[in-house]
């Protein structure tokens, strides 16, 4: 059996993502869909603790969900009869891209007469 431990950073980022989804869509159903996908991913990870490989430099593991839009990072400590899964970070690629590229539009050029 796996036990999850949520770091403060993880919970903070999770709240920011939920707020971003609601602010950008004004639709609570979209937030619910995100949370359902998040919870399904946690179930998958708890049942497949060996599936994602450990990153050779950082030592953590990660898994994408929501059609690749979100990625959660975690560390698994395996014990004899259980696993402890520490959720360390979660990102929203769309939200991150908007911070990096706030004017994410294709430039339009007008030919002068």
N, C-alpha and C. Protein backbone atom coordinates (compact mmCIF):
# COMPACT_ATOMS: atom_id res chain seq x y z
N UNK A 1 0.83 -1.17 0.00
CA UNK A 1 0.00 0.00 0.00
C UNK A 1 0.88 1.24 0.00
N UNK A 2 0.47 2.25 -0.74
CA UNK A 2 1.24 3.49 -0.84
C UNK A 2 0.59 4.59 -0.01
N UNK A 3 1.44 5.40 0.57
CA UNK A 3 0.97 6.57 1.33
C UNK A 3 1.55 7.81 0.68
N UNK A 4 0.70 8.81 0.49
CA UNK A 4 1.14 10.06 -0.11
C UNK A 4 1.43 11.10 0.95
N UNK A 5 2.47 11.88 0.69
CA UNK A 5 2.83 13.01 1.53
C UNK A 5 2.96 14.21 0.60
N UNK A 6 2.20 15.25 0.86
CA UNK A 6 2.18 16.44 0.02
C UNK A 6 3.05 17.52 0.65
N UNK A 7 4.08 17.96 -0.08
CA UNK A 7 4.91 19.03 0.44
C UNK A 7 4.14 20.35 0.37
N UNK A 8 4.59 21.31 1.14
CA UNK A 8 3.95 22.63 1.14
C UNK A 8 4.02 23.25 -0.25
N UNK A 9 5.16 23.11 -0.91
CA UNK A 9 5.32 23.64 -2.26
C UNK A 9 4.31 23.01 -3.22
N UNK A 10 4.12 21.70 -3.12
CA UNK A 10 3.19 21.00 -4.00
C UNK A 10 1.77 21.54 -3.82
N UNK A 11 1.35 21.65 -2.57
CA UNK A 11 -0.01 22.14 -2.29
C UNK A 11 -0.19 23.58 -2.75
N UNK A 12 0.85 24.38 -2.60
CA UNK A 12 0.81 25.77 -3.05
C UNK A 12 0.62 25.84 -4.57
N UNK A 13 1.42 25.07 -5.29
CA UNK A 13 1.33 25.06 -6.75
C UNK A 13 0.00 24.48 -7.23
N UNK A 14 -0.50 23.49 -6.53
CA UNK A 14 -1.80 22.90 -6.88
C UNK A 14 -2.90 23.95 -6.78
N UNK A 15 -2.87 24.74 -5.73
CA UNK A 15 -3.86 25.82 -5.56
C UNK A 15 -3.73 26.86 -6.66
N UNK A 16 -2.50 27.20 -7.03
CA UNK A 16 -2.28 28.18 -8.10
C UNK A 16 -2.82 27.67 -9.43
N UNK A 17 -2.62 26.39 -9.69
CA UNK A 17 -3.12 25.81 -10.95
C UNK A 17 -4.64 25.83 -10.97
N UNK A 18 -5.26 25.44 -9.87
CA UNK A 18 -6.74 25.46 -9.81
C UNK A 18 -7.25 26.88 -10.03
N UNK A 19 -6.61 27.85 -9.40
CA UNK A 19 -7.02 29.25 -9.56
C UNK A 19 -6.83 29.71 -11.00
N UNK A 20 -5.71 29.31 -11.62
CA UNK A 20 -5.44 29.69 -13.00
C UNK A 20 -6.49 29.11 -13.94
N UNK A 21 -6.84 27.85 -13.74
CA UNK A 21 -7.86 27.22 -14.59
C UNK A 21 -9.18 27.96 -14.46
N UNK A 22 -9.57 28.24 -13.23
CA UNK A 22 -10.86 28.91 -13.03
C UNK A 22 -10.83 30.34 -13.58
N UNK A 23 -9.73 31.05 -13.34
CA UNK A 23 -9.64 32.43 -13.81
C UNK A 23 -9.65 32.50 -15.34
N UNK A 24 -8.97 31.55 -15.99
CA UNK A 24 -8.88 31.60 -17.44
C UNK A 24 -10.10 31.02 -18.15
N UNK A 25 -10.91 30.20 -17.46
CA UNK A 25 -12.07 29.59 -18.12
C UNK A 25 -13.40 30.03 -17.52
N UNK A 26 -13.38 30.51 -16.28
CA UNK A 26 -14.60 30.87 -15.55
C UNK A 26 -15.58 29.69 -15.52
N UNK A 27 -15.01 28.48 -15.38
CA UNK A 27 -15.81 27.26 -15.41
C UNK A 27 -15.33 26.30 -14.33
N UNK A 28 -16.11 26.13 -13.28
CA UNK A 28 -15.73 25.25 -12.18
C UNK A 28 -15.63 23.80 -12.63
N UNK A 29 -16.35 23.44 -13.69
CA UNK A 29 -16.29 22.08 -14.22
C UNK A 29 -14.89 21.75 -14.74
N UNK A 30 -14.21 22.74 -15.30
CA UNK A 30 -12.83 22.52 -15.78
C UNK A 30 -11.90 22.24 -14.60
N UNK A 31 -12.12 22.91 -13.49
CA UNK A 31 -11.33 22.65 -12.28
C UNK A 31 -11.59 21.23 -11.79
N UNK A 32 -12.86 20.82 -11.81
CA UNK A 32 -13.22 19.47 -11.38
C UNK A 32 -12.58 18.42 -12.29
N UNK A 33 -12.57 18.66 -13.60
CA UNK A 33 -11.93 17.73 -14.54
C UNK A 33 -10.44 17.62 -14.24
N UNK A 34 -9.80 18.76 -13.95
CA UNK A 34 -8.38 18.74 -13.59
C UNK A 34 -8.15 17.90 -12.33
N UNK A 35 -8.95 18.14 -11.30
CA UNK A 35 -8.78 17.41 -10.04
C UNK A 35 -9.02 15.91 -10.21
N UNK A 36 -9.99 15.55 -11.04
CA UNK A 36 -10.24 14.13 -11.32
C UNK A 36 -9.04 13.49 -12.02
N UNK A 37 -8.48 14.19 -13.01
CA UNK A 37 -7.30 13.67 -13.71
C UNK A 37 -6.12 13.57 -12.76
N UNK A 38 -5.98 14.54 -11.88
CA UNK A 38 -4.91 14.54 -10.87
C UNK A 38 -5.04 13.33 -9.96
N UNK A 39 -6.25 13.09 -9.46
CA UNK A 39 -6.48 11.96 -8.55
C UNK A 39 -6.26 10.62 -9.24
N UNK A 40 -6.69 10.52 -10.50
CA UNK A 40 -6.46 9.28 -11.26
C UNK A 40 -4.97 9.02 -11.45
N UNK A 41 -4.21 10.09 -11.64
CA UNK A 41 -2.76 9.96 -11.78
C UNK A 41 -2.12 9.48 -10.49
N UNK A 42 -2.60 9.98 -9.36
CA UNK A 42 -2.07 9.52 -8.07
C UNK A 42 -2.35 8.03 -7.86
N UNK A 43 -3.53 7.59 -8.25
CA UNK A 43 -3.87 6.17 -8.14
C UNK A 43 -2.93 5.35 -9.03
N UNK A 44 -2.72 5.82 -10.26
CA UNK A 44 -1.82 5.12 -11.17
C UNK A 44 -0.42 5.00 -10.58
N UNK A 45 0.10 6.11 -10.06
CA UNK A 45 1.45 6.11 -9.49
C UNK A 45 1.54 5.16 -8.30
N UNK A 46 0.51 5.17 -7.46
CA UNK A 46 0.55 4.29 -6.28
C UNK A 46 0.53 2.82 -6.67
N UNK A 47 -0.08 2.51 -7.81
CA UNK A 47 -0.13 1.12 -8.28
C UNK A 47 1.06 0.73 -9.15
N UNK A 48 1.84 1.72 -9.56
CA UNK A 48 2.97 1.47 -10.47
C UNK A 48 4.20 2.25 -10.02
N UNK A 49 4.62 2.01 -8.81
CA UNK A 49 5.72 2.81 -8.25
C UNK A 49 7.04 2.64 -8.99
N UNK A 50 7.19 1.59 -9.75
CA UNK A 50 8.44 1.36 -10.49
C UNK A 50 8.36 1.86 -11.93
N UNK A 51 7.20 2.34 -12.36
CA UNK A 51 7.02 2.71 -13.76
C UNK A 51 7.87 3.90 -14.19
N UNK A 52 7.73 5.08 -13.61
CA UNK A 52 8.58 6.17 -14.09
C UNK A 52 9.99 6.00 -13.54
N UNK A 53 10.97 6.14 -14.42
CA UNK A 53 12.35 6.00 -13.99
C UNK A 53 12.80 7.18 -13.13
N UNK A 54 13.79 6.94 -12.31
CA UNK A 54 14.35 7.98 -11.46
C UNK A 54 15.28 8.85 -12.30
N UNK A 55 15.12 10.17 -12.19
CA UNK A 55 15.98 11.10 -12.92
C UNK A 55 17.41 10.94 -12.42
N UNK A 56 18.38 10.78 -13.32
CA UNK A 56 19.75 10.50 -12.88
C UNK A 56 20.43 11.65 -12.13
N UNK A 57 19.98 12.87 -12.33
CA UNK A 57 20.62 14.01 -11.67
C UNK A 57 19.83 14.46 -10.44
N UNK A 58 18.53 14.62 -10.58
CA UNK A 58 17.72 15.15 -9.47
C UNK A 58 17.27 14.08 -8.50
N UNK A 59 17.19 12.84 -8.96
CA UNK A 59 16.78 11.75 -8.09
C UNK A 59 15.28 11.63 -7.89
N UNK A 60 14.52 12.51 -8.53
CA UNK A 60 13.06 12.42 -8.41
C UNK A 60 12.48 11.71 -9.63
N UNK A 61 11.19 11.53 -9.62
CA UNK A 61 10.47 10.95 -10.73
C UNK A 61 9.38 11.93 -11.13
N UNK A 62 8.85 11.78 -12.32
CA UNK A 62 7.75 12.66 -12.74
C UNK A 62 6.81 11.90 -13.64
N UNK A 63 5.61 12.43 -13.75
CA UNK A 63 4.59 11.82 -14.59
C UNK A 63 3.70 12.92 -15.15
N UNK A 64 3.39 12.81 -16.44
CA UNK A 64 2.51 13.80 -17.08
C UNK A 64 1.07 13.29 -17.05
N UNK A 65 0.15 14.23 -17.07
CA UNK A 65 -1.27 13.89 -17.17
C UNK A 65 -2.00 15.06 -17.80
N UNK A 66 -3.28 14.87 -18.05
CA UNK A 66 -4.06 15.93 -18.69
C UNK A 66 -3.59 16.19 -20.11
N UNK A 67 -3.40 15.12 -20.89
CA UNK A 67 -2.92 15.22 -22.27
C UNK A 67 -1.59 15.95 -22.36
N UNK A 68 -0.74 15.74 -21.36
CA UNK A 68 0.59 16.33 -21.36
C UNK A 68 0.67 17.75 -20.84
N UNK A 69 -0.45 18.30 -20.44
CA UNK A 69 -0.45 19.69 -19.97
C UNK A 69 0.20 19.82 -18.60
N UNK A 70 0.01 18.84 -17.73
CA UNK A 70 0.49 18.92 -16.35
C UNK A 70 1.56 17.87 -16.10
N UNK A 71 2.47 18.19 -15.20
CA UNK A 71 3.50 17.22 -14.79
C UNK A 71 3.66 17.34 -13.29
N UNK A 72 3.63 16.17 -12.62
CA UNK A 72 3.89 16.18 -11.19
C UNK A 72 5.19 15.46 -10.90
N UNK A 73 5.89 15.95 -9.89
CA UNK A 73 7.20 15.43 -9.51
C UNK A 73 7.09 14.81 -8.13
N UNK A 74 7.79 13.70 -7.94
CA UNK A 74 7.67 12.99 -6.67
C UNK A 74 8.91 12.15 -6.41
N UNK A 75 9.04 11.74 -5.15
CA UNK A 75 10.10 10.84 -4.72
C UNK A 75 9.42 9.67 -4.01
N UNK A 76 9.82 8.45 -4.36
CA UNK A 76 9.23 7.26 -3.76
C UNK A 76 10.26 6.57 -2.88
N UNK A 77 9.85 6.28 -1.67
CA UNK A 77 10.67 5.49 -0.76
C UNK A 77 9.94 4.17 -0.54
N UNK A 78 10.54 3.10 -1.06
CA UNK A 78 9.92 1.78 -0.94
C UNK A 78 10.34 1.12 0.37
N UNK A 79 9.37 0.54 1.03
CA UNK A 79 9.61 -0.25 2.23
C UNK A 79 9.06 -1.64 1.97
N UNK A 80 9.19 -2.53 2.92
CA UNK A 80 8.79 -3.93 2.71
C UNK A 80 7.34 -4.07 2.26
N UNK A 81 6.42 -3.50 2.99
CA UNK A 81 5.00 -3.69 2.69
C UNK A 81 4.30 -2.45 2.17
N UNK A 82 5.04 -1.37 1.99
CA UNK A 82 4.39 -0.14 1.53
C UNK A 82 5.41 0.78 0.86
N UNK A 83 4.88 1.80 0.24
CA UNK A 83 5.70 2.84 -0.37
C UNK A 83 5.26 4.19 0.17
N UNK A 84 6.22 5.05 0.37
CA UNK A 84 5.92 6.43 0.74
C UNK A 84 6.20 7.29 -0.48
N UNK A 85 5.19 8.04 -0.91
CA UNK A 85 5.33 8.86 -2.10
C UNK A 85 5.24 10.32 -1.68
N UNK A 86 6.35 11.04 -1.87
CA UNK A 86 6.42 12.45 -1.51
C UNK A 86 6.22 13.27 -2.78
N UNK A 87 5.10 13.98 -2.84
CA UNK A 87 4.81 14.83 -3.99
C UNK A 87 5.50 16.17 -3.74
N UNK A 88 6.44 16.52 -4.62
CA UNK A 88 7.28 17.68 -4.38
C UNK A 88 6.92 18.90 -5.21
N UNK A 89 6.41 18.68 -6.43
CA UNK A 89 6.13 19.83 -7.30
C UNK A 89 5.13 19.42 -8.37
N UNK A 90 4.38 20.39 -8.86
CA UNK A 90 3.46 20.17 -9.98
C UNK A 90 3.49 21.41 -10.85
N UNK A 91 3.50 21.21 -12.17
CA UNK A 91 3.52 22.35 -13.07
C UNK A 91 2.40 22.23 -14.10
N UNK A 92 1.97 23.38 -14.56
CA UNK A 92 1.00 23.51 -15.65
C UNK A 92 1.78 24.10 -16.81
N UNK A 93 2.02 23.33 -17.85
CA UNK A 93 2.83 23.81 -18.96
C UNK A 93 2.23 25.04 -19.63
N UNK A 94 0.92 25.10 -19.73
CA UNK A 94 0.29 26.26 -20.36
C UNK A 94 0.54 27.51 -19.52
N UNK A 95 0.37 27.39 -18.22
CA UNK A 95 0.59 28.51 -17.32
C UNK A 95 2.06 28.94 -17.37
N UNK A 96 2.97 27.98 -17.38
CA UNK A 96 4.40 28.29 -17.43
C UNK A 96 4.75 28.98 -18.74
N UNK A 97 4.19 28.51 -19.85
CA UNK A 97 4.47 29.12 -21.14
C UNK A 97 3.97 30.55 -21.21
N UNK A 98 2.83 30.83 -20.59
CA UNK A 98 2.31 32.19 -20.60
C UNK A 98 3.20 33.13 -19.80
N UNK A 99 3.85 32.63 -18.76
CA UNK A 99 4.79 33.46 -17.99
C UNK A 99 6.03 33.76 -18.82
N UNK A 100 6.48 32.78 -19.59
CA UNK A 100 7.69 32.96 -20.39
C UNK A 100 7.38 33.76 -21.65
N UNK A 101 6.23 33.48 -22.27
CA UNK A 101 5.83 34.14 -23.51
C UNK A 101 4.47 34.81 -23.33
N UNK A 102 4.41 35.94 -22.62
CA UNK A 102 3.11 36.55 -22.33
C UNK A 102 2.36 37.03 -23.57
N UNK A 103 3.09 37.36 -24.62
CA UNK A 103 2.46 37.80 -25.86
C UNK A 103 2.56 36.69 -26.89
N UNK A 104 2.04 35.54 -26.54
CA UNK A 104 2.18 34.35 -27.37
C UNK A 104 1.27 34.44 -28.60
N UNK A 105 1.59 35.39 -29.46
CA UNK A 105 0.84 35.60 -30.69
C UNK A 105 1.80 35.62 -31.87
N UNK A 106 1.29 35.30 -33.03
CA UNK A 106 2.10 35.39 -34.24
C UNK A 106 2.08 36.84 -34.69
N UNK A 107 3.27 37.35 -34.95
CA UNK A 107 3.37 38.75 -35.40
C UNK A 107 2.72 38.91 -36.76
N UNK A 108 2.11 40.07 -36.96
CA UNK A 108 1.48 40.39 -38.24
C UNK A 108 2.21 41.59 -38.82
N UNK A 109 2.57 41.49 -40.08
CA UNK A 109 3.29 42.58 -40.73
C UNK A 109 2.42 43.12 -41.86
N UNK A 110 2.38 44.43 -41.95
CA UNK A 110 1.61 45.09 -42.99
C UNK A 110 2.57 45.71 -44.00
N UNK A 111 2.30 45.43 -45.25
CA UNK A 111 3.12 46.01 -46.30
C UNK A 111 2.67 47.44 -46.52
N UNK A 112 3.63 48.36 -46.47
CA UNK A 112 3.28 49.77 -46.67
C UNK A 112 3.19 50.06 -48.16
N UNK A 113 2.25 50.95 -48.52
CA UNK A 113 2.07 51.32 -49.94
C UNK A 113 3.15 52.23 -50.42
